[in-house]
Amino acid sequence: MATGRPYTVQVIHKKNRFFCHISFALEDTKEVDRSSKMGGIDLNPQVISVTIVHPNGNYLASRNFPCPDLPYVSHEKRLHIIGNLCREIAEWLKKQGVTQVALEDPPLKRS
């Protein structure tokens, strides 16, 4: 916070206790390797779509990772599902020889 970069603070009151979550964007320190394949991840509540493109930008492969229960399960179950999805996506990208990924920064609505 001393750097002056923007940050987000979320105060949560739960079971007579207060929790404070402070988050900020990490700065990218790696340059994009334009000679390697790139993976792109599109986040949606019930499916995560992953696409791989050649260095010249042409389509190479795509795969959907369904997660239909994600919006409806408890917080603990949601974390479990997300962890498994992340592992599955990372394994698939690794098998495809992808070492870099672009991820959207969606505006998520909290309920």
N, C-alpha and C. Protein backbone atom coordinates (compact mmCIF):
# COMPACT_ATOMS: atom_id res chain seq x y z
N MET A 1 0.82 -1.18 0.00
CA MET A 1 0.00 0.00 0.00
C MET A 1 0.87 1.25 0.00
N ALA A 2 2.09 1.14 0.50
CA ALA A 2 2.99 2.29 0.55
C ALA A 2 3.42 2.73 -0.85
N THR A 3 3.26 1.85 -1.84
CA THR A 3 3.66 2.19 -3.21
C THR A 3 2.69 3.15 -3.87
N GLY A 4 1.49 3.27 -3.31
CA GLY A 4 0.49 4.14 -3.90
C GLY A 4 -0.34 3.46 -4.98
N ARG A 5 -0.10 2.17 -5.22
CA ARG A 5 -0.89 1.44 -6.22
C ARG A 5 -2.31 1.23 -5.69
N PRO A 6 -3.30 1.14 -6.59
CA PRO A 6 -4.68 0.93 -6.14
C PRO A 6 -4.85 -0.43 -5.47
N TYR A 7 -5.78 -0.48 -4.52
CA TYR A 7 -6.09 -1.72 -3.84
C TYR A 7 -7.57 -1.74 -3.48
N THR A 8 -8.06 -2.93 -3.13
CA THR A 8 -9.45 -3.11 -2.76
C THR A 8 -9.51 -3.64 -1.34
N VAL A 9 -10.40 -3.09 -0.55
CA VAL A 9 -10.60 -3.55 0.82
C VAL A 9 -12.03 -4.04 0.95
N GLN A 10 -12.18 -5.24 1.50
CA GLN A 10 -13.51 -5.79 1.73
C GLN A 10 -13.61 -6.16 3.21
N VAL A 11 -14.57 -5.58 3.90
CA VAL A 11 -14.79 -5.88 5.32
C VAL A 11 -16.00 -6.80 5.41
N ILE A 12 -15.82 -7.93 6.10
CA ILE A 12 -16.87 -8.94 6.20
C ILE A 12 -17.21 -9.16 7.67
N HIS A 13 -18.49 -9.10 7.99
CA HIS A 13 -18.94 -9.40 9.35
C HIS A 13 -19.60 -10.77 9.32
N LYS A 14 -19.01 -11.71 10.09
CA LYS A 14 -19.49 -13.08 10.07
C LYS A 14 -19.36 -13.68 11.46
N LYS A 15 -20.45 -14.17 11.98
CA LYS A 15 -20.47 -14.82 13.30
C LYS A 15 -19.85 -13.95 14.38
N ASN A 16 -20.30 -12.70 14.46
CA ASN A 16 -19.84 -11.74 15.45
C ASN A 16 -18.34 -11.43 15.37
N ARG A 17 -17.75 -11.63 14.20
CA ARG A 17 -16.35 -11.30 13.98
C ARG A 17 -16.24 -10.49 12.70
N PHE A 18 -15.21 -9.67 12.61
CA PHE A 18 -14.94 -8.91 11.41
C PHE A 18 -13.69 -9.45 10.74
N PHE A 19 -13.75 -9.58 9.42
CA PHE A 19 -12.61 -10.02 8.63
C PHE A 19 -12.35 -8.94 7.59
N CYS A 20 -11.10 -8.71 7.30
CA CYS A 20 -10.72 -7.70 6.33
C CYS A 20 -9.87 -8.35 5.24
N HIS A 21 -10.33 -8.26 4.00
CA HIS A 21 -9.59 -8.79 2.86
C HIS A 21 -9.05 -7.61 2.07
N ILE A 22 -7.74 -7.57 1.92
CA ILE A 22 -7.10 -6.51 1.13
C ILE A 22 -6.47 -7.18 -0.08
N SER A 23 -6.78 -6.66 -1.26
CA SER A 23 -6.22 -7.25 -2.48
C SER A 23 -5.73 -6.16 -3.41
N PHE A 24 -4.74 -6.52 -4.22
CA PHE A 24 -4.21 -5.62 -5.22
C PHE A 24 -3.65 -6.44 -6.36
N ALA A 25 -3.60 -5.87 -7.53
CA ALA A 25 -3.10 -6.58 -8.70
C ALA A 25 -1.58 -6.69 -8.62
N LEU A 26 -1.08 -7.86 -8.94
CA LEU A 26 0.36 -8.06 -9.01
C LEU A 26 0.85 -7.57 -10.36
N GLU A 27 1.99 -6.99 -10.37
CA GLU A 27 2.54 -6.52 -11.62
C GLU A 27 3.16 -7.68 -12.38
N ASP A 28 2.92 -7.73 -13.69
CA ASP A 28 3.53 -8.76 -14.52
C ASP A 28 5.01 -8.44 -14.67
N THR A 29 5.84 -9.44 -14.41
CA THR A 29 7.28 -9.21 -14.54
C THR A 29 7.85 -9.96 -15.73
N LYS A 30 7.04 -10.82 -16.33
CA LYS A 30 7.52 -11.58 -17.48
C LYS A 30 6.96 -10.99 -18.77
N GLU A 31 7.81 -10.94 -19.75
CA GLU A 31 7.39 -10.53 -21.08
C GLU A 31 6.67 -11.69 -21.76
N VAL A 32 5.73 -11.39 -22.63
CA VAL A 32 5.06 -12.43 -23.40
C VAL A 32 6.04 -12.99 -24.41
N ASP A 33 6.14 -14.31 -24.46
CA ASP A 33 7.01 -14.97 -25.43
C ASP A 33 6.21 -15.13 -26.72
N ARG A 34 6.46 -14.28 -27.67
CA ARG A 34 5.69 -14.28 -28.92
C ARG A 34 6.10 -15.40 -29.87
N SER A 35 7.06 -16.23 -29.46
CA SER A 35 7.45 -17.38 -30.29
C SER A 35 6.84 -18.67 -29.77
N SER A 36 6.04 -18.58 -28.70
CA SER A 36 5.41 -19.76 -28.10
C SER A 36 3.90 -19.68 -28.18
N LYS A 37 3.27 -20.83 -28.03
CA LYS A 37 1.81 -20.90 -27.98
C LYS A 37 1.30 -20.11 -26.77
N MET A 38 0.07 -19.65 -26.88
CA MET A 38 -0.56 -18.91 -25.79
C MET A 38 -1.92 -19.53 -25.48
N GLY A 39 -2.18 -19.73 -24.20
CA GLY A 39 -3.49 -20.20 -23.77
C GLY A 39 -4.32 -19.02 -23.31
N GLY A 40 -5.60 -19.05 -23.59
CA GLY A 40 -6.52 -18.01 -23.14
C GLY A 40 -7.64 -18.65 -22.35
N ILE A 41 -7.97 -18.08 -21.20
CA ILE A 41 -9.00 -18.67 -20.33
C ILE A 41 -10.15 -17.68 -20.18
N ASP A 42 -11.37 -18.15 -20.50
CA ASP A 42 -12.59 -17.35 -20.39
C ASP A 42 -13.40 -17.93 -19.23
N LEU A 43 -13.63 -17.11 -18.20
CA LEU A 43 -14.33 -17.57 -17.01
C LEU A 43 -15.81 -17.23 -17.08
N ASN A 44 -16.63 -18.24 -16.88
CA ASN A 44 -18.08 -18.09 -16.81
C ASN A 44 -18.57 -18.90 -15.62
N PRO A 45 -19.73 -18.58 -15.05
CA PRO A 45 -20.17 -19.27 -13.84
C PRO A 45 -20.33 -20.78 -13.98
N GLN A 46 -20.70 -21.27 -15.17
CA GLN A 46 -20.96 -22.70 -15.29
C GLN A 46 -20.05 -23.43 -16.26
N VAL A 47 -19.11 -22.71 -16.88
CA VAL A 47 -18.15 -23.35 -17.77
C VAL A 47 -16.91 -22.45 -17.89
N ILE A 48 -15.76 -23.08 -17.91
CA ILE A 48 -14.51 -22.36 -18.16
C ILE A 48 -14.02 -22.83 -19.53
N SER A 49 -13.84 -21.88 -20.43
CA SER A 49 -13.39 -22.20 -21.79
C SER A 49 -11.92 -21.84 -21.92
N VAL A 50 -11.15 -22.77 -22.48
CA VAL A 50 -9.72 -22.56 -22.66
C VAL A 50 -9.40 -22.74 -24.14
N THR A 51 -8.71 -21.78 -24.71
CA THR A 51 -8.32 -21.82 -26.12
C THR A 51 -6.82 -21.63 -26.22
N ILE A 52 -6.23 -22.35 -27.17
CA ILE A 52 -4.79 -22.23 -27.41
C ILE A 52 -4.61 -21.71 -28.83
N VAL A 53 -3.69 -20.75 -28.98
CA VAL A 53 -3.39 -20.20 -30.30
C VAL A 53 -1.90 -20.35 -30.59
N HIS A 54 -1.60 -20.46 -31.89
CA HIS A 54 -0.22 -20.48 -32.35
C HIS A 54 0.42 -19.11 -32.09
N PRO A 55 1.74 -19.03 -32.16
CA PRO A 55 2.40 -17.73 -32.00
C PRO A 55 1.91 -16.67 -32.99
N ASN A 56 1.45 -17.10 -34.17
CA ASN A 56 0.96 -16.12 -35.15
C ASN A 56 -0.51 -15.73 -34.89
N GLY A 57 -1.11 -16.27 -33.83
CA GLY A 57 -2.48 -15.92 -33.47
C GLY A 57 -3.55 -16.83 -34.01
N ASN A 58 -3.18 -17.80 -34.86
CA ASN A 58 -4.17 -18.72 -35.41
C ASN A 58 -4.59 -19.76 -34.38
N TYR A 59 -5.85 -20.13 -34.45
CA TYR A 59 -6.44 -21.12 -33.55
C TYR A 59 -5.71 -22.45 -33.62
N LEU A 60 -5.48 -23.06 -32.46
CA LEU A 60 -4.86 -24.38 -32.40
C LEU A 60 -5.79 -25.41 -31.77
N ALA A 61 -6.31 -25.11 -30.59
CA ALA A 61 -7.18 -26.07 -29.88
C ALA A 61 -8.05 -25.31 -28.88
N SER A 62 -9.12 -25.99 -28.46
CA SER A 62 -10.01 -25.40 -27.47
C SER A 62 -10.66 -26.51 -26.67
N ARG A 63 -11.00 -26.20 -25.44
CA ARG A 63 -11.68 -27.18 -24.60
C ARG A 63 -12.51 -26.46 -23.55
N ASN A 64 -13.69 -27.00 -23.27
CA ASN A 64 -14.56 -26.47 -22.23
C ASN A 64 -14.46 -27.35 -20.99
N PHE A 65 -14.44 -26.71 -19.84
CA PHE A 65 -14.41 -27.40 -18.56
C PHE A 65 -15.68 -27.03 -17.81
N PRO A 66 -16.71 -27.90 -17.89
CA PRO A 66 -17.99 -27.56 -17.27
C PRO A 66 -17.92 -27.58 -15.74
N CYS A 67 -18.65 -26.66 -15.15
CA CYS A 67 -18.78 -26.60 -13.69
C CYS A 67 -20.19 -26.12 -13.36
N PRO A 68 -21.22 -26.91 -13.72
CA PRO A 68 -22.61 -26.45 -13.60
C PRO A 68 -23.06 -26.19 -12.17
N ASP A 69 -22.45 -26.86 -11.19
CA ASP A 69 -22.88 -26.70 -9.81
C ASP A 69 -22.22 -25.51 -9.10
N LEU A 70 -21.21 -24.94 -9.69
CA LEU A 70 -20.40 -23.92 -9.03
C LEU A 70 -21.21 -22.78 -8.41
N PRO A 71 -22.19 -22.21 -9.11
CA PRO A 71 -22.91 -21.08 -8.50
C PRO A 71 -23.84 -21.48 -7.35
N TYR A 72 -24.09 -22.76 -7.17
CA TYR A 72 -25.14 -23.18 -6.24
C TYR A 72 -24.65 -23.91 -5.00
N VAL A 73 -23.37 -24.22 -4.92
CA VAL A 73 -22.86 -25.01 -3.79
C VAL A 73 -22.32 -24.10 -2.69
N SER A 74 -22.04 -24.70 -1.54
CA SER A 74 -21.49 -23.94 -0.42
C SER A 74 -20.09 -23.44 -0.74
N HIS A 75 -19.62 -22.50 0.06
CA HIS A 75 -18.29 -21.90 -0.15
C HIS A 75 -17.20 -22.96 -0.13
N GLU A 76 -17.25 -23.88 0.83
CA GLU A 76 -16.22 -24.91 0.94
C GLU A 76 -16.23 -25.83 -0.28
N LYS A 77 -17.40 -26.23 -0.72
CA LYS A 77 -17.52 -27.08 -1.90
C LYS A 77 -17.05 -26.33 -3.15
N ARG A 78 -17.37 -25.04 -3.23
CA ARG A 78 -16.95 -24.22 -4.36
C ARG A 78 -15.43 -24.17 -4.45
N LEU A 79 -14.75 -23.98 -3.32
CA LEU A 79 -13.29 -23.97 -3.31
C LEU A 79 -12.72 -25.30 -3.79
N HIS A 80 -13.34 -26.39 -3.39
CA HIS A 80 -12.91 -27.72 -3.82
C HIS A 80 -13.06 -27.89 -5.33
N ILE A 81 -14.22 -27.48 -5.86
CA ILE A 81 -14.48 -27.58 -7.30
C ILE A 81 -13.48 -26.72 -8.07
N ILE A 82 -13.25 -25.49 -7.62
CA ILE A 82 -12.32 -24.59 -8.31
C ILE A 82 -10.91 -25.16 -8.30
N GLY A 83 -10.49 -25.71 -7.17
CA GLY A 83 -9.16 -26.31 -7.09
C GLY A 83 -8.99 -27.45 -8.07
N ASN A 84 -10.00 -28.31 -8.17
CA ASN A 84 -9.94 -29.43 -9.12
C ASN A 84 -9.94 -28.94 -10.56
N LEU A 85 -10.75 -27.90 -10.86
CA LEU A 85 -10.77 -27.34 -12.21
C LEU A 85 -9.42 -26.74 -12.58
N CYS A 86 -8.82 -26.02 -11.66
CA CYS A 86 -7.50 -25.42 -11.92
C CYS A 86 -6.47 -26.49 -12.23
N ARG A 87 -6.48 -27.56 -11.47
CA ARG A 87 -5.53 -28.66 -11.71
C ARG A 87 -5.78 -29.30 -13.08
N GLU A 88 -7.04 -29.55 -13.39
CA GLU A 88 -7.39 -30.17 -14.67
C GLU A 88 -6.99 -29.28 -15.85
N ILE A 89 -7.25 -27.99 -15.74
CA ILE A 89 -6.89 -27.05 -16.81
C ILE A 89 -5.37 -26.98 -16.96
N ALA A 90 -4.66 -26.87 -15.84
CA ALA A 90 -3.19 -26.79 -15.89
C ALA A 90 -2.59 -28.04 -16.52
N GLU A 91 -3.12 -29.21 -16.17
CA GLU A 91 -2.61 -30.46 -16.75
C GLU A 91 -2.85 -30.50 -18.25
N TRP A 92 -4.04 -30.07 -18.70
CA TRP A 92 -4.34 -30.08 -20.13
C TRP A 92 -3.43 -29.12 -20.88
N LEU A 93 -3.25 -27.91 -20.34
CA LEU A 93 -2.37 -26.94 -20.99
C LEU A 93 -0.92 -27.46 -21.06
N LYS A 94 -0.48 -28.09 -20.00
CA LYS A 94 0.88 -28.63 -19.97
C LYS A 94 1.05 -29.71 -21.04
N LYS A 95 0.06 -30.58 -21.18
CA LYS A 95 0.12 -31.63 -22.21
C LYS A 95 0.16 -31.04 -23.61
N GLN A 96 -0.44 -29.84 -23.77
CA GLN A 96 -0.45 -29.17 -25.07
C GLN A 96 0.83 -28.37 -25.31
N GLY A 97 1.73 -28.33 -24.32
CA GLY A 97 2.97 -27.60 -24.45
C GLY A 97 2.83 -26.10 -24.25
N VAL A 98 1.79 -25.68 -23.55
CA VAL A 98 1.55 -24.25 -23.31
C VAL A 98 2.23 -23.85 -21.99
N THR A 99 3.01 -22.78 -22.05
CA THR A 99 3.72 -22.30 -20.86
C THR A 99 3.31 -20.90 -20.46
N GLN A 100 2.38 -20.29 -21.19
CA GLN A 100 1.90 -18.95 -20.85
C GLN A 100 0.41 -18.86 -21.10
N VAL A 101 -0.27 -18.08 -20.26
CA VAL A 101 -1.72 -18.01 -20.31
C VAL A 101 -2.17 -16.57 -20.12
N ALA A 102 -3.18 -16.17 -20.88
CA ALA A 102 -3.85 -14.89 -20.68
C ALA A 102 -5.18 -15.18 -20.00
N LEU A 103 -5.45 -14.46 -18.93
CA LEU A 103 -6.66 -14.69 -18.15
C LEU A 103 -7.44 -13.39 -18.06
N GLU A 104 -8.75 -13.48 -18.34
CA GLU A 104 -9.57 -12.27 -18.25
C GLU A 104 -9.72 -11.87 -16.79
N ASP A 105 -10.03 -10.63 -16.57
CA ASP A 105 -10.26 -10.10 -15.23
C ASP A 105 -11.73 -9.71 -15.15
N PRO A 106 -12.62 -10.69 -14.90
CA PRO A 106 -14.05 -10.40 -14.97
C PRO A 106 -14.53 -9.64 -13.74
N PRO A 107 -15.50 -8.75 -13.93
CA PRO A 107 -16.11 -8.09 -12.78
C PRO A 107 -17.10 -9.06 -12.15
N LEU A 108 -16.74 -9.66 -11.03
CA LEU A 108 -17.59 -10.66 -10.39
C LEU A 108 -18.57 -9.99 -9.43
N LYS A 109 -19.81 -10.43 -9.49
CA LYS A 109 -20.84 -9.92 -8.61
C LYS A 109 -20.94 -10.87 -7.43
N ARG A 110 -20.77 -10.35 -6.23
CA ARG A 110 -20.86 -11.16 -5.02
C ARG A 110 -22.30 -11.17 -4.54
N SER A 111 -22.72 -12.37 -4.09
CA SER A 111 -24.08 -12.46 -3.57
C SER A 111 -24.07 -12.74 -2.10
